[in-house]
Amino acid sequence: MAQGAQQQQMINQMVSGAVEAMEASVDAEIEKLDKMDEDDLDAIRERRIKQMQKFQAQKQEYKNLGHGTYDTITNEKEFFEISKKSDRVVCLFYIDTSFRCKIVDKHLSELCKKHFETRFIRLNAEKAPFLTERLKIKVMPTIMLVKDSNVCDRIVGFDDLGSSDNFPTSLLEWRIAQNKVISYSGDLTRPPVDEVKDKKKVQIQRNLRQEENSSDSELDD
């Protein structure tokens, strides 16, 4: 009993200390605002307006490049052009007869709207034999992740997604984010596996060929 009371007392002290620290921080911010004059507030407003204008301009530029949509491209030339114009690209290589490719379609259709900073496209591997062979794509679906005109990673099949057809969109999002091809605010060290049946199968498998031969990853048409 004595030990339990002592532990509870320690917890109470910790909570009390955290609350006091938070109150002190809030008080400091209030004091800082109180000391500001009209010129200071105008400068803050001006910086905020400039940030919003920059954000809107960037968003419009992304929109002009096709960001925010999940488009089917028809040939290898389009792939190279998009990879040069957009800094970050997610491309699904698919075939029409693959049910799993359709599963990936569903998830990428959602992610493209959330991650406006990245271009999302899909390419029929049978219509791009040169590129498919060059990138050594043998399994469908394969998602190629491109950053600064270089293939930086790939997701082959569902091995990294719990080897299940029922993985959540959040898990694919986390996997794509490992190489910063999308902006991600979550914890990159912990996959969101709450909805995955076999959590032990969720892992990151690096492509050894690309790591050993970085020149193979460069995209030059």
C-alpha atoms as a PDB file:
ATOM      1  CA  MET A   1       0.000   0.000   0.000  1.00  0.00           C
ATOM      2  CA  ALA A   2       2.792   2.396   0.954  1.00  0.00           C
ATOM      3  CA  GLN A   3       4.581   1.758  -2.353  1.00  0.00           C
ATOM      4  CA  GLY A   4       1.379   2.358  -4.316  1.00  0.00           C
ATOM      5  CA  ALA A   5       0.744   5.642  -2.507  1.00  0.00           C
ATOM      6  CA  GLN A   6       4.308   6.734  -3.213  1.00  0.00           C
ATOM      7  CA  GLN A   7       3.945   5.957  -6.925  1.00  0.00           C
ATOM      8  CA  GLN A   8       0.666   7.886  -7.075  1.00  0.00           C
ATOM      9  CA  GLN A   9       2.335  10.844  -5.384  1.00  0.00           C
ATOM     10  CA  MET A  10       5.132  10.783  -7.967  1.00  0.00           C
ATOM     11  CA  ILE A  11       2.597  10.693 -10.804  1.00  0.00           C
ATOM     12  CA  ASN A  12       0.700  13.621  -9.304  1.00  0.00           C
ATOM     13  CA  GLN A  13       3.918  15.620  -9.032  1.00  0.00           C
ATOM     14  CA  MET A  14       4.800  14.888 -12.652  1.00  0.00           C
ATOM     15  CA  VAL A  15       1.351  15.918 -13.861  1.00  0.00           C
ATOM     16  CA  SER A  16       1.461  19.053 -11.739  1.00  0.00           C
ATOM     17  CA  GLY A  17       4.878  19.953 -13.120  1.00  0.00           C
ATOM     18  CA  ALA A  18       3.715  19.459 -16.708  1.00  0.00           C
ATOM     19  CA  VAL A  19       0.650  21.649 -16.128  1.00  0.00           C
ATOM     20  CA  GLU A  20       2.769  24.402 -14.568  1.00  0.00           C
ATOM     21  CA  ALA A  21       5.195  24.316 -17.492  1.00  0.00           C
ATOM     22  CA  MET A  22       2.321  24.572 -19.962  1.00  0.00           C
ATOM     23  CA  GLU A  23       0.787  27.494 -18.066  1.00  0.00           C
ATOM     24  CA  ALA A  24       4.147  29.275 -18.008  1.00  0.00           C
ATOM     25  CA  SER A  25       4.478  28.826 -21.767  1.00  0.00           C
ATOM     26  CA  VAL A  26       0.992  30.213 -22.390  1.00  0.00           C
ATOM     27  CA  ASP A  27       1.656  33.156 -20.072  1.00  0.00           C
ATOM     28  CA  ALA A  28       4.879  33.924 -21.930  1.00  0.00           C
ATOM     29  CA  GLU A  29       3.062  33.940 -25.280  1.00  0.00           C
ATOM     30  CA  ILE A  30       0.320  36.215 -23.907  1.00  0.00           C
ATOM     31  CA  GLU A  31       2.926  38.601 -22.504  1.00  0.00           C
ATOM     32  CA  LYS A  32       4.712  38.632 -25.860  1.00  0.00           C
ATOM     33  CA  LEU A  33       1.471  39.533 -27.657  1.00  0.00           C
ATOM     34  CA  ASP A  34       0.675  42.238 -25.114  1.00  0.00           C
ATOM     35  CA  LYS A  35       4.007  43.928 -25.794  1.00  0.00           C
ATOM     36  CA  MET A  36       3.452  44.041 -29.545  1.00  0.00           C
ATOM     37  CA  ASP A  37       2.507  47.348 -31.104  1.00  0.00           C
ATOM     38  CA  GLU A  38       0.528  47.944 -34.296  1.00  0.00           C
ATOM     39  CA  ASP A  39       3.662  47.795 -36.482  1.00  0.00           C
ATOM     40  CA  ASP A  40       4.539  44.348 -35.116  1.00  0.00           C
ATOM     41  CA  LEU A  41       1.042  43.052 -35.827  1.00  0.00           C
ATOM     42  CA  ASP A  42       1.112  44.528 -39.337  1.00  0.00           C
ATOM     43  CA  ALA A  43       4.434  42.763 -40.017  1.00  0.00           C
ATOM     44  CA  ILE A  44       2.951  39.439 -38.855  1.00  0.00           C
ATOM     45  CA  ARG A  45      -0.089  39.927 -41.092  1.00  0.00           C
ATOM     46  CA  GLU A  46       2.125  40.796 -44.055  1.00  0.00           C
ATOM     47  CA  ARG A  47       4.269  37.672 -43.568  1.00  0.00           C
ATOM     48  CA  ARG A  48       1.145  35.554 -43.293  1.00  0.00           C
ATOM     49  CA  ILE A  49      -0.320  37.041 -46.475  1.00  0.00           C
ATOM     50  CA  LYS A  50       2.934  36.394 -48.360  1.00  0.00           C
ATOM     51  CA  GLN A  51       2.973  32.789 -47.120  1.00  0.00           C
ATOM     52  CA  MET A  52      -0.609  32.280 -48.291  1.00  0.00           C
ATOM     53  CA  GLN A  53       0.149  33.846 -51.675  1.00  0.00           C
ATOM     54  CA  LYS A  54       3.200  31.616 -52.105  1.00  0.00           C
ATOM     55  CA  PHE A  55       1.166  28.550 -51.148  1.00  0.00           C
ATOM     56  CA  GLN A  56      -1.604  29.407 -53.625  1.00  0.00           C
ATOM     57  CA  ALA A  57       0.925  30.037 -56.410  1.00  0.00           C
ATOM     58  CA  GLN A  58       2.600  26.687 -55.720  1.00  0.00           C
ATOM     59  CA  LYS A  59      -0.766  24.934 -55.668  1.00  0.00           C
ATOM     60  CA  GLN A  60      -1.722  26.466 -59.004  1.00  0.00           C
ATOM     61  CA  GLU A  61       1.603  25.402 -60.488  1.00  0.00           C
ATOM     62  CA  TYR A  62       1.022  21.849 -59.268  1.00  0.00           C
ATOM     63  CA  LYS A  63      -2.497  21.929 -60.712  1.00  0.00           C
ATOM     64  CA  ASN A  64      -1.139  23.011 -64.098  1.00  0.00           C
ATOM     65  CA  LEU A  65       1.194  19.993 -64.022  1.00  0.00           C
ATOM     66  CA  GLY A  66      -1.689  17.618 -63.348  1.00  0.00           C
ATOM     67  CA  HIS A  67      -1.207  17.165 -59.618  1.00  0.00           C
ATOM     68  CA  GLY A  68      -4.276  16.231 -57.591  1.00  0.00           C
ATOM     69  CA  THR A  69      -5.402  13.681 -60.179  1.00  0.00           C
ATOM     70  CA  TYR A  70      -4.580  10.044 -60.875  1.00  0.00           C
ATOM     71  CA  ASP A  71      -4.086   9.785 -64.631  1.00  0.00           C
ATOM     72  CA  THR A  72      -3.417   6.974 -67.055  1.00  0.00           C
ATOM     73  CA  ILE A  73      -0.531   7.740 -69.390  1.00  0.00           C
ATOM     74  CA  THR A  74      -0.215   5.845 -72.653  1.00  0.00           C
ATOM     75  CA  ASN A  75       3.476   5.641 -73.435  1.00  0.00           C
ATOM     76  CA  GLU A  76       7.030   5.849 -72.143  1.00  0.00           C
ATOM     77  CA  LYS A  77       7.589   9.350 -73.512  1.00  0.00           C
ATOM     78  CA  GLU A  78       4.883  10.716 -71.213  1.00  0.00           C
ATOM     79  CA  PHE A  79       6.527   9.008 -68.251  1.00  0.00           C
ATOM     80  CA  PHE A  80       9.864  10.696 -68.938  1.00  0.00           C
ATOM     81  CA  GLU A  81       8.236  14.101 -69.522  1.00  0.00           C
ATOM     82  CA  ILE A  82       6.254  13.955 -66.283  1.00  0.00           C
ATOM     83  CA  SER A  83       9.304  12.794 -64.316  1.00  0.00           C
ATOM     84  CA  LYS A  84      11.199  15.866 -65.542  1.00  0.00           C
ATOM     85  CA  LYS A  85       8.424  18.375 -64.857  1.00  0.00           C
ATOM     86  CA  SER A  86       7.378  17.118 -61.401  1.00  0.00           C
ATOM     87  CA  ASP A  87       9.913  16.701 -58.611  1.00  0.00           C
ATOM     88  CA  ARG A  88       8.043  13.769 -57.079  1.00  0.00           C
ATOM     89  CA  VAL A  89       6.153  11.088 -58.993  1.00  0.00           C
ATOM     90  CA  VAL A  90       4.316   7.901 -58.020  1.00  0.00           C
ATOM     91  CA  CYS A  91       3.726   5.607 -60.991  1.00  0.00           C
ATOM     92  CA  LEU A  92       1.834   2.317 -60.958  1.00  0.00           C
ATOM     93  CA  PHE A  93       2.890  -0.193 -63.599  1.00  0.00           C
ATOM     94  CA  TYR A  94      -0.139  -2.393 -64.186  1.00  0.00           C
ATOM     95  CA  ILE A  95      -1.815  -4.891 -66.480  1.00  0.00           C
ATOM     96  CA  ASP A  96      -5.541  -5.030 -67.133  1.00  0.00           C
ATOM     97  CA  THR A  97      -5.926  -8.636 -66.011  1.00  0.00           C
ATOM     98  CA  SER A  98      -4.508  -8.080 -62.509  1.00  0.00           C
ATOM     99  CA  PHE A  99      -7.085  -7.729 -59.728  1.00  0.00           C
ATOM    100  CA  ARG A 100      -4.401  -6.467 -57.353  1.00  0.00           C
ATOM    101  CA  CYS A 101      -3.599  -3.609 -59.724  1.00  0.00           C
ATOM    102  CA  LYS A 102      -7.210  -2.476 -59.356  1.00  0.00           C
ATOM    103  CA  ILE A 103      -6.800  -2.531 -55.571  1.00  0.00           C
ATOM    104  CA  VAL A 104      -3.799  -0.210 -55.869  1.00  0.00           C
ATOM    105  CA  ASP A 105      -5.823   2.038 -58.196  1.00  0.00           C
ATOM    106  CA  LYS A 106      -8.382   2.554 -55.446  1.00  0.00           C
ATOM    107  CA  HIS A 107      -5.769   3.594 -52.891  1.00  0.00           C
ATOM    108  CA  LEU A 108      -3.784   5.873 -55.223  1.00  0.00           C
ATOM    109  CA  SER A 109      -7.009   7.584 -56.309  1.00  0.00           C
ATOM    110  CA  GLU A 110      -7.433   8.665 -52.696  1.00  0.00           C
ATOM    111  CA  LEU A 111      -3.808   9.588 -52.046  1.00  0.00           C
ATOM    112  CA  CYS A 112      -3.481  11.820 -55.115  1.00  0.00           C
ATOM    113  CA  LYS A 113      -6.097  14.185 -53.666  1.00  0.00           C
ATOM    114  CA  LYS A 114      -4.407  14.280 -50.263  1.00  0.00           C
ATOM    115  CA  HIS A 115      -0.850  14.727 -51.545  1.00  0.00           C
ATOM    116  CA  PHE A 116      -1.063  17.585 -54.006  1.00  0.00           C
ATOM    117  CA  GLU A 117       2.725  17.938 -53.878  1.00  0.00           C
ATOM    118  CA  THR A 118       3.216  14.685 -55.801  1.00  0.00           C
ATOM    119  CA  ARG A 119       2.155  13.563 -59.285  1.00  0.00           C
ATOM    120  CA  PHE A 120       0.267  10.246 -59.402  1.00  0.00           C
ATOM    121  CA  ILE A 121       0.082   8.300 -62.672  1.00  0.00           C
ATOM    122  CA  ARG A 122      -0.415   4.776 -64.000  1.00  0.00           C
ATOM    123  CA  LEU A 123       1.101   3.079 -67.045  1.00  0.00           C
ATOM    124  CA  ASN A 124       0.140  -0.192 -68.703  1.00  0.00           C
ATOM    125  CA  ALA A 125       3.340  -2.257 -68.596  1.00  0.00           C
ATOM    126  CA  GLU A 126       2.366  -4.123 -71.770  1.00  0.00           C
ATOM    127  CA  LYS A 127       2.298  -0.820 -73.664  1.00  0.00           C
ATOM    128  CA  ALA A 128       5.713   0.236 -72.345  1.00  0.00           C
ATOM    129  CA  PRO A 129       7.962  -2.798 -72.937  1.00  0.00           C
ATOM    130  CA  PHE A 130      11.182  -0.786 -73.198  1.00  0.00           C
ATOM    131  CA  LEU A 131      10.700   1.008 -69.885  1.00  0.00           C
ATOM    132  CA  THR A 132       9.381  -2.103 -68.155  1.00  0.00           C
ATOM    133  CA  GLU A 133      12.467  -4.044 -69.237  1.00  0.00           C
ATOM    134  CA  ARG A 134      14.834  -1.205 -68.393  1.00  0.00           C
ATOM    135  CA  LEU A 135      13.445  -0.908 -64.865  1.00  0.00           C
ATOM    136  CA  LYS A 136      13.389  -4.700 -64.534  1.00  0.00           C
ATOM    137  CA  ILE A 137       9.705  -4.766 -63.615  1.00  0.00           C
ATOM    138  CA  LYS A 138       8.539  -8.371 -63.443  1.00  0.00           C
ATOM    139  CA  VAL A 139       5.718  -8.378 -60.887  1.00  0.00           C
ATOM    140  CA  MET A 140       2.366  -6.619 -61.192  1.00  0.00           C
ATOM    141  CA  PRO A 141       1.510  -4.356 -59.545  1.00  0.00           C
ATOM    142  CA  THR A 142       4.787  -2.482 -59.160  1.00  0.00           C
ATOM    143  CA  ILE A 143       4.789   1.107 -57.920  1.00  0.00           C
ATOM    144  CA  MET A 144       7.816   3.117 -58.977  1.00  0.00           C
ATOM    145  CA  LEU A 145       8.726   6.093 -56.775  1.00  0.00           C
ATOM    146  CA  VAL A 146      10.566   8.892 -58.576  1.00  0.00           C
ATOM    147  CA  LYS A 147      12.216  11.921 -57.005  1.00  0.00           C
ATOM    148  CA  ASP A 148      14.211  14.544 -58.907  1.00  0.00           C
ATOM    149  CA  SER A 149      14.064  12.430 -62.094  1.00  0.00           C
ATOM    150  CA  ASN A 150      15.550   9.396 -60.324  1.00  0.00           C
ATOM    151  CA  VAL A 151      13.853   6.180 -59.309  1.00  0.00           C
ATOM    152  CA  CYS A 152      14.494   6.123 -55.556  1.00  0.00           C
ATOM    153  CA  ASP A 153      12.387   3.115 -54.566  1.00  0.00           C
ATOM    154  CA  ARG A 154       9.778   0.620 -55.699  1.00  0.00           C
ATOM    155  CA  ILE A 155       6.916  -1.275 -54.079  1.00  0.00           C
ATOM    156  CA  VAL A 156       6.655  -4.741 -55.618  1.00  0.00           C
ATOM    157  CA  GLY A 157       3.369  -6.556 -55.129  1.00  0.00           C
ATOM    158  CA  PHE A 158       1.952  -6.485 -51.623  1.00  0.00           C
ATOM    159  CA  ASP A 159       4.975  -7.875 -49.743  1.00  0.00           C
ATOM    160  CA  ASP A 160       5.544  -4.573 -47.916  1.00  0.00           C
ATOM    161  CA  LEU A 161       1.837  -4.177 -47.206  1.00  0.00           C
ATOM    162  CA  GLY A 162       1.200  -7.219 -45.051  1.00  0.00           C
ATOM    163  CA  SER A 163       0.859  -9.560 -48.048  1.00  0.00           C
ATOM    164  CA  SER A 164      -2.878  -8.941 -47.897  1.00  0.00           C
ATOM    165  CA  ASP A 165      -5.403  -7.516 -50.341  1.00  0.00           C
ATOM    166  CA  ASN A 166      -7.146  -5.689 -47.494  1.00  0.00           C
ATOM    167  CA  PHE A 167      -4.413  -3.299 -46.406  1.00  0.00           C
ATOM    168  CA  PRO A 168      -5.526   0.258 -45.489  1.00  0.00           C
ATOM    169  CA  THR A 169      -4.684   3.294 -47.600  1.00  0.00           C
ATOM    170  CA  SER A 170      -2.759   4.693 -44.637  1.00  0.00           C
ATOM    171  CA  LEU A 171      -0.290   1.791 -44.834  1.00  0.00           C
ATOM    172  CA  LEU A 172       0.460   2.406 -48.516  1.00  0.00           C
ATOM    173  CA  GLU A 173       0.794   6.111 -47.738  1.00  0.00           C
ATOM    174  CA  TRP A 174       3.333   5.318 -44.997  1.00  0.00           C
ATOM    175  CA  ARG A 175       5.278   3.021 -47.326  1.00  0.00           C
ATOM    176  CA  ILE A 176       5.450   5.611 -50.119  1.00  0.00           C
ATOM    177  CA  ALA A 177       6.588   8.240 -47.616  1.00  0.00           C
ATOM    178  CA  GLN A 178       9.718   6.309 -46.630  1.00  0.00           C
ATOM    179  CA  ASN A 179      11.748   8.059 -49.332  1.00  0.00           C
ATOM    180  CA  LYS A 180       9.955  11.407 -48.932  1.00  0.00           C
ATOM    181  CA  VAL A 181       8.153  11.092 -52.259  1.00  0.00           C
ATOM    182  CA  ILE A 182       5.141  12.482 -50.392  1.00  0.00           C
ATOM    183  CA  SER A 183       4.974  14.815 -47.394  1.00  0.00           C
ATOM    184  CA  TYR A 184       4.122  12.765 -44.318  1.00  0.00           C
ATOM    185  CA  SER A 185       3.317  14.062 -40.843  1.00  0.00           C
ATOM    186  CA  GLY A 186       3.142  10.687 -39.117  1.00  0.00           C
ATOM    187  CA  ASP A 187       5.845   8.502 -37.573  1.00  0.00           C
ATOM    188  CA  LEU A 188       7.935   6.944 -40.343  1.00  0.00           C
ATOM    189  CA  THR A 189       9.415   4.420 -37.926  1.00  0.00           C
ATOM    190  CA  ARG A 190       6.033   2.917 -37.021  1.00  0.00           C
ATOM    191  CA  PRO A 191       3.739   1.601 -39.774  1.00  0.00           C
ATOM    192  CA  PRO A 192      -0.017   2.102 -39.217  1.00  0.00           C
ATOM    193  CA  VAL A 193      -0.902  -1.598 -39.017  1.00  0.00           C
ATOM    194  CA  ASP A 194      -4.080  -1.553 -36.921  1.00  0.00           C
ATOM    195  CA  GLU A 195      -6.161  -2.832 -39.849  1.00  0.00           C
ATOM    196  CA  VAL A 196      -3.575  -5.352 -41.119  1.00  0.00           C
ATOM    197  CA  LYS A 197      -4.232  -8.993 -40.251  1.00  0.00           C
ATOM    198  CA  ASP A 198      -0.618 -10.175 -40.291  1.00  0.00           C
ATOM    199  CA  LYS A 199       1.294  -7.256 -38.781  1.00  0.00           C
ATOM    200  CA  LYS A 200       4.588  -9.175 -38.734  1.00  0.00           C
ATOM    201  CA  LYS A 201       4.701  -9.185 -42.533  1.00  0.00           C
ATOM    202  CA  VAL A 202       4.764  -5.402 -42.775  1.00  0.00           C
ATOM    203  CA  GLN A 203       8.312  -4.372 -43.548  1.00  0.00           C
ATOM    204  CA  ILE A 204      10.423  -2.302 -45.914  1.00  0.00           C
ATOM    205  CA  GLN A 205      12.232  -4.263 -48.589  1.00  0.00           C
ATOM    206  CA  ARG A 206      14.917  -2.278 -50.397  1.00  0.00           C
ATOM    207  CA  ASN A 207      15.808  -2.976 -53.990  1.00  0.00           C
ATOM    208  CA  LEU A 208      19.444  -4.102 -53.779  1.00  0.00           C
ATOM    209  CA  ARG A 209      20.082  -3.680 -57.486  1.00  0.00           C
ATOM    210  CA  GLN A 210      19.231   0.006 -57.309  1.00  0.00           C
ATOM    211  CA  GLU A 211      21.292   0.587 -54.179  1.00  0.00           C
ATOM    212  CA  GLU A 212      24.341  -1.131 -55.636  1.00  0.00           C
ATOM    213  CA  ASN A 213      24.016   0.517 -59.064  1.00  0.00           C
ATOM    214  CA  SER A 214      22.654   3.981 -58.483  1.00  0.00           C
ATOM    215  CA  SER A 215      23.184   4.890 -62.152  1.00  0.00           C
ATOM    216  CA  ASP A 216      20.458   2.385 -63.101  1.00  0.00           C
ATOM    217  CA  SER A 217      17.967   4.598 -61.316  1.00  0.00           C
ATOM    218  CA  GLU A 218      18.548   7.662 -63.475  1.00  0.00           C
ATOM    219  CA  LEU A 219      15.787   8.363 -65.962  1.00  0.00           C
ATOM    220  CA  ASP A 220      17.069   9.618 -69.294  1.00  0.00           C
ATOM    221  CA  ASP A 221      14.882   9.250 -72.347  1.00  0.00           C
END
